[in-house]
C-alpha atoms as a PDB file:
ATOM      1  CA  MET A   1      11.434  22.494   1.780  1.00  0.00           C
ATOM      2  CA  LYS A   2      10.209  19.010   2.582  1.00  0.00           C
ATOM      3  CA  ASN A   3       9.492  17.971   6.136  1.00  0.00           C
ATOM      4  CA  LYS A   4      11.553  15.184   7.706  1.00  0.00           C
ATOM      5  CA  ALA A   5       8.454  13.241   8.745  1.00  0.00           C
ATOM      6  CA  THR A   6       6.833  13.333   5.305  1.00  0.00           C
ATOM      7  CA  PRO A   7       8.180  13.575   1.757  1.00  0.00           C
ATOM      8  CA  LYS A   8       5.590  16.278   1.008  1.00  0.00           C
ATOM      9  CA  THR A   9       6.312  19.991   0.846  1.00  0.00           C
ATOM     10  CA  PRO A  10       4.430  22.363   3.159  1.00  0.00           C
ATOM     11  CA  ARG A  11       2.469  23.678   0.143  1.00  0.00           C
ATOM     12  CA  GLN A  12       1.382  20.118  -0.703  1.00  0.00           C
ATOM     13  CA  ILE A  13       0.305  19.505   2.883  1.00  0.00           C
ATOM     14  CA  VAL A  14      -1.704  22.742   2.973  1.00  0.00           C
ATOM     15  CA  TYR A  15      -3.334  21.931  -0.388  1.00  0.00           C
ATOM     16  CA  GLU A  16      -4.373  18.453   0.750  1.00  0.00           C
ATOM     17  CA  ARG A  17      -5.864  19.787   3.980  1.00  0.00           C
ATOM     18  CA  ALA A  18      -7.479  22.861   2.407  1.00  0.00           C
ATOM     19  CA  LEU A  19      -9.289  21.208  -0.505  1.00  0.00           C
ATOM     20  CA  PRO A  20     -11.725  19.053   1.510  1.00  0.00           C
ATOM     21  CA  PHE A  21     -12.171  21.935   3.969  1.00  0.00           C
ATOM     22  CA  ALA A  22     -13.102  24.319   1.141  1.00  0.00           C
ATOM     23  CA  GLU A  23     -15.426  21.775  -0.486  1.00  0.00           C
ATOM     24  CA  LYS A  24     -17.274  21.368   2.818  1.00  0.00           C
ATOM     25  CA  ASN A  25     -17.352  24.977   4.038  1.00  0.00           C
ATOM     26  CA  TYR A  26     -17.345  27.319   1.038  1.00  0.00           C
ATOM     27  CA  LYS A  27     -19.254  27.784  -2.195  1.00  0.00           C
ATOM     28  CA  LYS A  28     -17.438  26.831  -5.395  1.00  0.00           C
ATOM     29  CA  ILE A  29     -17.646  29.684  -7.894  1.00  0.00           C
ATOM     30  CA  SER A  30     -16.950  30.121 -11.586  1.00  0.00           C
ATOM     31  CA  VAL A  31     -14.368  32.789 -12.324  1.00  0.00           C
ATOM     32  CA  ILE A  32     -13.665  34.379 -15.677  1.00  0.00           C
ATOM     33  CA  MET A  33     -10.335  35.787 -16.673  1.00  0.00           C
ATOM     34  CA  GLY A  34      -9.881  39.512 -16.579  1.00  0.00           C
ATOM     35  CA  ARG A  35      -6.912  41.559 -17.644  1.00  0.00           C
ATOM     36  CA  TYR A  36      -3.538  40.080 -16.675  1.00  0.00           C
ATOM     37  CA  ASP A  37      -1.633  42.031 -14.039  1.00  0.00           C
ATOM     38  CA  GLY A  38       0.819  39.382 -12.832  1.00  0.00           C
ATOM     39  CA  SER A  39       2.045  41.500  -9.921  1.00  0.00           C
ATOM     40  CA  GLN A  40       1.343  38.925  -7.202  1.00  0.00           C
ATOM     41  CA  LYS A  41      -0.467  41.735  -5.385  1.00  0.00           C
ATOM     42  CA  CYS A  42      -4.028  40.487  -5.849  1.00  0.00           C
ATOM     43  CA  GLN A  43      -5.257  42.391  -2.805  1.00  0.00           C
ATOM     44  CA  HIS A  44      -4.277  45.708  -4.404  1.00  0.00           C
ATOM     45  CA  VAL A  45      -5.446  44.793  -7.917  1.00  0.00           C
ATOM     46  CA  ALA A  46      -8.862  43.787  -6.544  1.00  0.00           C
ATOM     47  CA  ARG A  47      -9.104  46.939  -4.426  1.00  0.00           C
ATOM     48  CA  HIS A  48      -8.164  49.121  -7.413  1.00  0.00           C
ATOM     49  CA  THR A  49     -10.807  47.410  -9.543  1.00  0.00           C
ATOM     50  CA  LEU A  50     -13.323  48.009  -6.743  1.00  0.00           C
ATOM     51  CA  GLU A  51     -12.416  51.704  -6.760  1.00  0.00           C
ATOM     52  CA  GLU A  52     -13.012  51.680 -10.554  1.00  0.00           C
ATOM     53  CA  GLY A  53     -16.553  50.367 -10.105  1.00  0.00           C
ATOM     54  CA  ALA A  54     -16.585  46.635  -9.351  1.00  0.00           C
ATOM     55  CA  ASP A  55     -19.373  45.595  -6.972  1.00  0.00           C
ATOM     56  CA  THR A  56     -17.189  43.777  -4.451  1.00  0.00           C
ATOM     57  CA  VAL A  57     -13.804  42.410  -3.565  1.00  0.00           C
ATOM     58  CA  ALA A  58     -14.211  38.659  -3.163  1.00  0.00           C
ATOM     59  CA  ILE A  59     -11.781  36.699  -1.022  1.00  0.00           C
ATOM     60  CA  THR A  60     -11.320  33.164  -2.290  1.00  0.00           C
ATOM     61  CA  LEU A  61      -9.313  30.041  -1.813  1.00  0.00           C
ATOM     62  CA  SER A  62      -7.834  29.474  -5.260  1.00  0.00           C
ATOM     63  CA  PHE A  63      -6.563  25.977  -5.994  1.00  0.00           C
ATOM     64  CA  VAL A  64      -3.859  25.912  -8.657  1.00  0.00           C
ATOM     65  CA  PRO A  65      -3.195  22.510 -10.289  1.00  0.00           C
ATOM     66  CA  LYS A  66       0.255  21.123  -9.411  1.00  0.00           C
ATOM     67  CA  SER A  67       1.131  24.275  -7.478  1.00  0.00           C
ATOM     68  CA  GLY A  68      -0.893  24.777  -4.319  1.00  0.00           C
ATOM     69  CA  VAL A  69      -3.666  26.806  -2.787  1.00  0.00           C
ATOM     70  CA  ASN A  70      -3.708  30.549  -2.252  1.00  0.00           C
ATOM     71  CA  VAL A  71      -5.832  33.053  -0.438  1.00  0.00           C
ATOM     72  CA  HIS A  72      -6.652  35.139  -3.486  1.00  0.00           C
ATOM     73  CA  PHE A  73      -8.546  38.405  -3.959  1.00  0.00           C
ATOM     74  CA  ILE A  74     -10.733  38.832  -7.050  1.00  0.00           C
ATOM     75  CA  ASN A  75     -13.767  40.963  -7.941  1.00  0.00           C
ATOM     76  CA  ARG A  76     -17.448  40.528  -8.590  1.00  0.00           C
ATOM     77  CA  ILE A  77     -19.098  42.680 -11.216  1.00  0.00           C
ATOM     78  CA  GLY A  78     -22.800  41.953 -11.480  1.00  0.00           C
ATOM     79  CA  LYS A  79     -23.116  38.185 -11.223  1.00  0.00           C
ATOM     80  CA  LYS A  80     -19.629  37.456 -12.608  1.00  0.00           C
ATOM     81  CA  TYR A  81     -16.463  36.833 -10.637  1.00  0.00           C
ATOM     82  CA  ILE A  82     -13.376  38.106 -12.442  1.00  0.00           C
ATOM     83  CA  ASP A  83      -9.672  37.553 -11.767  1.00  0.00           C
ATOM     84  CA  HIS A  84      -7.736  40.619 -12.894  1.00  0.00           C
ATOM     85  CA  THR A  85      -4.444  39.530 -11.342  1.00  0.00           C
ATOM     86  CA  LEU A  86      -3.926  36.158 -12.996  1.00  0.00           C
ATOM     87  CA  GLY A  87      -5.905  36.842 -16.166  1.00  0.00           C
ATOM     88  CA  TYR A  88      -5.588  33.877 -18.513  1.00  0.00           C
ATOM     89  CA  LEU A  89      -3.671  31.900 -15.872  1.00  0.00           C
ATOM     90  CA  SER A  90      -6.876  31.702 -13.829  1.00  0.00           C
ATOM     91  CA  LYS A  91      -8.589  29.446 -16.382  1.00  0.00           C
ATOM     92  CA  ARG A  92      -7.416  26.198 -14.771  1.00  0.00           C
ATOM     93  CA  ASN A  93      -7.848  27.235 -11.157  1.00  0.00           C
ATOM     94  CA  THR A  94     -10.688  26.200  -8.879  1.00  0.00           C
ATOM     95  CA  TYR A  95     -12.131  28.935  -6.665  1.00  0.00           C
ATOM     96  CA  TYR A  96     -14.101  28.791  -3.418  1.00  0.00           C
ATOM     97  CA  LEU A  97     -15.736  31.969  -2.137  1.00  0.00           C
ATOM     98  CA  MET A  98     -14.855  32.864   1.446  1.00  0.00           C
ATOM     99  CA  SER A  99     -16.279  36.397   1.708  1.00  0.00           C
ATOM    100  CA  GLU A 100     -17.198  39.535  -0.213  1.00  0.00           C
ATOM    101  CA  HIS A 101     -16.648  43.167   0.737  1.00  0.00           C
ATOM    102  CA  SER A 102     -17.999  46.448  -0.609  1.00  0.00           C
ATOM    103  CA  LEU A 103     -16.012  49.638  -1.043  1.00  0.00           C
ATOM    104  CA  LYS A 104     -17.779  51.127   1.975  1.00  0.00           C
ATOM    105  CA  GLU A 105     -16.637  48.187   4.133  1.00  0.00           C
ATOM    106  CA  LEU A 106     -13.048  48.479   2.911  1.00  0.00           C
ATOM    107  CA  ARG A 107     -12.751  52.274   3.028  1.00  0.00           C
ATOM    108  CA  ASP A 108     -10.085  52.322   5.793  1.00  0.00           C
ATOM    109  CA  THR A 109      -8.749  48.790   5.335  1.00  0.00           C
ATOM    110  CA  LEU A 110      -5.088  48.026   4.735  1.00  0.00           C
ATOM    111  CA  MET A 111      -5.373  45.380   2.023  1.00  0.00           C
ATOM    112  CA  SER A 112      -2.044  43.663   2.739  1.00  0.00           C
ATOM    113  CA  LYS A 113      -3.004  43.354   6.412  1.00  0.00           C
ATOM    114  CA  MET A 114      -6.364  41.911   5.372  1.00  0.00           C
ATOM    115  CA  LEU A 115      -4.562  39.332   3.229  1.00  0.00           C
ATOM    116  CA  GLU A 116      -2.222  38.325   6.069  1.00  0.00           C
ATOM    117  CA  ASN A 117      -5.095  38.122   8.561  1.00  0.00           C
ATOM    118  CA  THR A 118      -7.101  35.935   6.178  1.00  0.00           C
ATOM    119  CA  LYS A 119      -4.131  33.617   5.627  1.00  0.00           C
ATOM    120  CA  GLU A 120      -3.706  33.263   9.392  1.00  0.00           C
ATOM    121  CA  GLU A 121      -7.425  32.622   9.854  1.00  0.00           C
ATOM    122  CA  VAL A 122      -7.443  29.854   7.235  1.00  0.00           C
ATOM    123  CA  LEU A 123      -4.266  28.205   8.519  1.00  0.00           C
ATOM    124  CA  SER A 124      -5.631  28.224  12.073  1.00  0.00           C
ATOM    125  CA  LYS A 125      -8.736  26.392  10.835  1.00  0.00           C
ATOM    126  CA  LEU A 126      -6.641  23.789   9.023  1.00  0.00           C
ATOM    127  CA  PHE A 127      -3.810  23.125  11.476  1.00  0.00           C
ATOM    128  CA  THR A 128      -2.972  23.215  15.156  1.00  0.00           C
ATOM    129  CA  LYS A 129       0.024  25.302  16.225  1.00  0.00           C
ATOM    130  CA  LYS A 130       1.954  22.083  16.751  1.00  0.00           C
ATOM    131  CA  GLU A 131       1.128  20.821  13.250  1.00  0.00           C
ATOM    132  CA  ARG A 132       2.213  24.110  11.728  1.00  0.00           C
ATOM    133  CA  LYS A 133       5.519  23.867  13.551  1.00  0.00           C
ATOM    134  CA  ASP A 134       6.002  20.168  12.742  1.00  0.00           C
ATOM    135  CA  PHE A 135       5.269  20.705   9.024  1.00  0.00           C
ATOM    136  CA  ASP A 136       7.083  24.081   8.811  1.00  0.00           C
ATOM    137  CA  ILE A 137       3.912  25.775   7.562  1.00  0.00           C
ATOM    138  CA  ASP A 138       3.760  29.559   7.382  1.00  0.00           C
ATOM    139  CA  HIS A 139       1.841  32.269   5.496  1.00  0.00           C
ATOM    140  CA  SER A 140       3.869  31.734   2.333  1.00  0.00           C
ATOM    141  CA  HIS A 141       2.308  28.290   1.911  1.00  0.00           C
ATOM    142  CA  ILE A 142      -1.214  29.607   1.261  1.00  0.00           C
END
């Protein structure tokens, strides 16, 4: 839905605000495609891969051309970051590393709650409460 004050969608507004923020505050990383899951449950795919032996779950901002930006969970195995949710679809995305977590750190973590908390954290860094209300921005836009 487009905002009355601007012809841009909330996802476009978030993308435009998030890209310079990510470039300034996070490290850009190269990500290789893993197996394609396509479930839109990256937090669970990354956690499962961690349980199977990946070194970490990496939380990223993933910029998708002509689509938007997403808080996206991937894995690191050795020195390689791998996207097992998007697989081949990840090839055109740009990733910025926000944090990494070991299995020990995530032992009692609810992954969906972690995703929602991270989305809220990022949105609060990008927008004031008033801006979020004015632009109709919510968790679904990142």
